[in-house]
């Protein structure tokens, strides 16, 4: 069974940090571009960060550049999103996705994915 399971969400104060994880089972991530997306209440899903299948290239939304870092550990079949200096506007449900393509920028901009996680809530509030 193919699964993509996220963890690491929660409640954090503004300025705090969280690390989201997304573990794949039933398939290996080596040949997939990976992306993190988020959806806030009443808003459309948006791309946050994507990483190429070669692990050499990344794309970030302007709103998170310098604060979020996407990474992958193919040996653990897991991807991560390190989020620092969190702001209330980062509050959303965060999803990971995998796509069998090297077009990682298009993946983030056009919200594309072959496999999706179930989502994890991130709330930034004092």
Protein backbone atom coordinates (compact mmCIF):
# COMPACT_ATOMS: atom_id res chain seq x y z
CA UNK A 1 0.00 0.00 0.00
CA UNK A 2 1.35 3.39 -0.99
CA UNK A 3 1.36 5.88 1.84
CA UNK A 4 2.79 9.29 2.62
CA UNK A 5 2.43 10.08 6.33
CA UNK A 6 3.14 13.51 7.79
CA UNK A 7 4.01 14.42 11.35
CA UNK A 8 5.42 17.29 13.37
CA UNK A 9 2.64 19.83 13.26
CA UNK A 10 1.31 21.61 16.32
CA UNK A 11 0.86 24.91 18.11
CA UNK A 12 3.83 27.26 18.28
CA UNK A 13 4.29 30.88 19.28
CA UNK A 14 5.29 33.52 16.73
CA UNK A 15 9.03 33.39 16.17
CA UNK A 16 9.17 29.71 17.04
CA UNK A 17 10.22 26.71 14.98
CA UNK A 18 8.78 23.39 13.87
CA UNK A 19 10.06 20.55 11.74
CA UNK A 20 7.58 18.63 9.65
CA UNK A 21 8.36 15.12 8.47
CA UNK A 22 6.79 13.05 5.73
CA UNK A 23 7.58 9.35 5.56
CA UNK A 24 6.86 7.34 2.43
CA UNK A 25 5.99 3.66 2.40
CA UNK A 26 5.21 1.40 -0.49
CA UNK A 27 7.40 3.39 -2.86
CA UNK A 28 10.87 4.93 -2.82
CA UNK A 29 11.41 8.66 -3.05
CA UNK A 30 14.64 8.53 -5.03
CA UNK A 31 13.06 9.31 -8.39
CA UNK A 32 10.44 11.77 -7.19
CA UNK A 33 10.38 15.51 -6.83
CA UNK A 34 8.94 16.37 -3.43
CA UNK A 35 6.87 19.32 -2.39
CA UNK A 36 5.31 20.87 0.69
CA UNK A 37 2.04 22.70 0.28
CA UNK A 38 -0.33 24.45 2.66
CA UNK A 39 -3.94 25.47 2.81
CA UNK A 40 -5.31 28.04 5.21
CA UNK A 41 -9.05 28.29 6.00
CA UNK A 42 -10.90 29.95 3.15
CA UNK A 43 -7.83 29.99 0.90
CA UNK A 44 -6.58 27.89 -1.96
CA UNK A 45 -3.80 25.40 -1.53
CA UNK A 46 -0.40 26.92 -2.32
CA UNK A 47 3.07 25.61 -2.93
CA UNK A 48 5.52 26.33 -0.12
CA UNK A 49 8.72 24.51 -1.08
CA UNK A 50 9.76 21.90 -3.61
CA UNK A 51 12.94 19.91 -4.13
CA UNK A 52 14.07 18.18 -7.29
CA UNK A 53 14.48 14.43 -7.60
CA UNK A 54 18.23 14.99 -7.97
CA UNK A 55 18.25 16.79 -4.59
CA UNK A 56 20.25 19.62 -6.17
CA UNK A 57 17.59 22.24 -6.71
CA UNK A 58 14.91 23.83 -4.58
CA UNK A 59 12.08 26.33 -4.99
CA UNK A 60 10.47 28.39 -2.24
CA UNK A 61 7.47 30.66 -2.13
CA UNK A 62 8.50 34.27 -1.56
CA UNK A 63 6.60 34.33 1.72
CA UNK A 64 8.83 31.64 3.26
CA UNK A 65 12.24 32.30 1.68
CA UNK A 66 14.95 32.51 4.31
CA UNK A 67 12.70 30.96 6.96
CA UNK A 68 11.80 27.48 5.64
CA UNK A 69 14.14 24.74 4.43
CA UNK A 70 13.11 21.63 2.53
CA UNK A 71 15.31 18.55 2.62
CA UNK A 72 15.14 14.85 1.92
CA UNK A 73 16.79 11.72 3.28
CA UNK A 74 16.38 9.04 0.66
CA UNK A 75 17.96 6.43 2.94
CA UNK A 76 15.10 6.98 5.39
CA UNK A 77 12.57 7.54 2.60
CA UNK A 78 11.57 10.74 4.38
CA UNK A 79 11.30 14.43 3.54
CA UNK A 80 11.42 17.34 5.93
CA UNK A 81 10.34 20.95 6.16
CA UNK A 82 12.23 22.98 8.75
CA UNK A 83 10.22 26.08 9.61
CA UNK A 84 11.86 28.91 11.55
CA UNK A 85 10.68 32.37 12.60
CA UNK A 86 7.08 31.27 12.21
CA UNK A 87 4.40 33.91 11.74
CA UNK A 88 0.65 33.80 12.35
CA UNK A 89 0.12 33.88 8.58
CA UNK A 90 1.92 30.52 8.35
CA UNK A 91 -1.06 28.91 10.09
CA UNK A 92 -2.47 26.25 7.76
CA UNK A 93 -2.76 22.55 7.11
CA UNK A 94 0.51 21.43 5.55
CA UNK A 95 0.67 18.63 2.99
CA UNK A 96 3.57 16.80 1.42
CA UNK A 97 3.43 15.39 -2.08
CA UNK A 98 5.61 13.40 -4.44
CA UNK A 99 5.68 13.60 -8.20
CA UNK A 100 7.49 11.35 -10.66
CA UNK A 101 9.01 14.27 -12.54
CA UNK A 102 12.07 16.50 -12.40
CA UNK A 103 9.89 19.59 -13.02
CA UNK A 104 9.91 20.59 -9.36
CA UNK A 105 9.13 24.29 -9.94
CA UNK A 106 6.00 23.43 -11.91
CA UNK A 107 5.06 21.03 -9.14
CA UNK A 108 4.99 23.86 -6.61
CA UNK A 109 3.49 26.55 -8.82
CA UNK A 110 0.78 24.37 -10.33
CA UNK A 111 0.10 22.25 -7.19
CA UNK A 112 0.90 18.92 -8.80
CA UNK A 113 1.50 15.59 -7.11
CA UNK A 114 1.12 11.87 -7.72
CA UNK A 115 0.97 10.98 -4.01
CA UNK A 116 -0.29 13.20 -1.20
CA UNK A 117 -0.08 13.01 2.55
CA UNK A 118 -3.11 13.48 4.77
CA UNK A 119 -2.01 16.86 6.08
CA UNK A 120 -0.80 18.14 9.43
CA UNK A 121 -2.06 21.26 11.21
CA UNK A 122 0.37 24.07 12.01
CA UNK A 123 -0.97 26.87 14.20
CA UNK A 124 1.13 29.93 15.00
CA UNK A 125 -0.42 31.92 17.81
CA UNK A 126 0.48 33.56 21.08
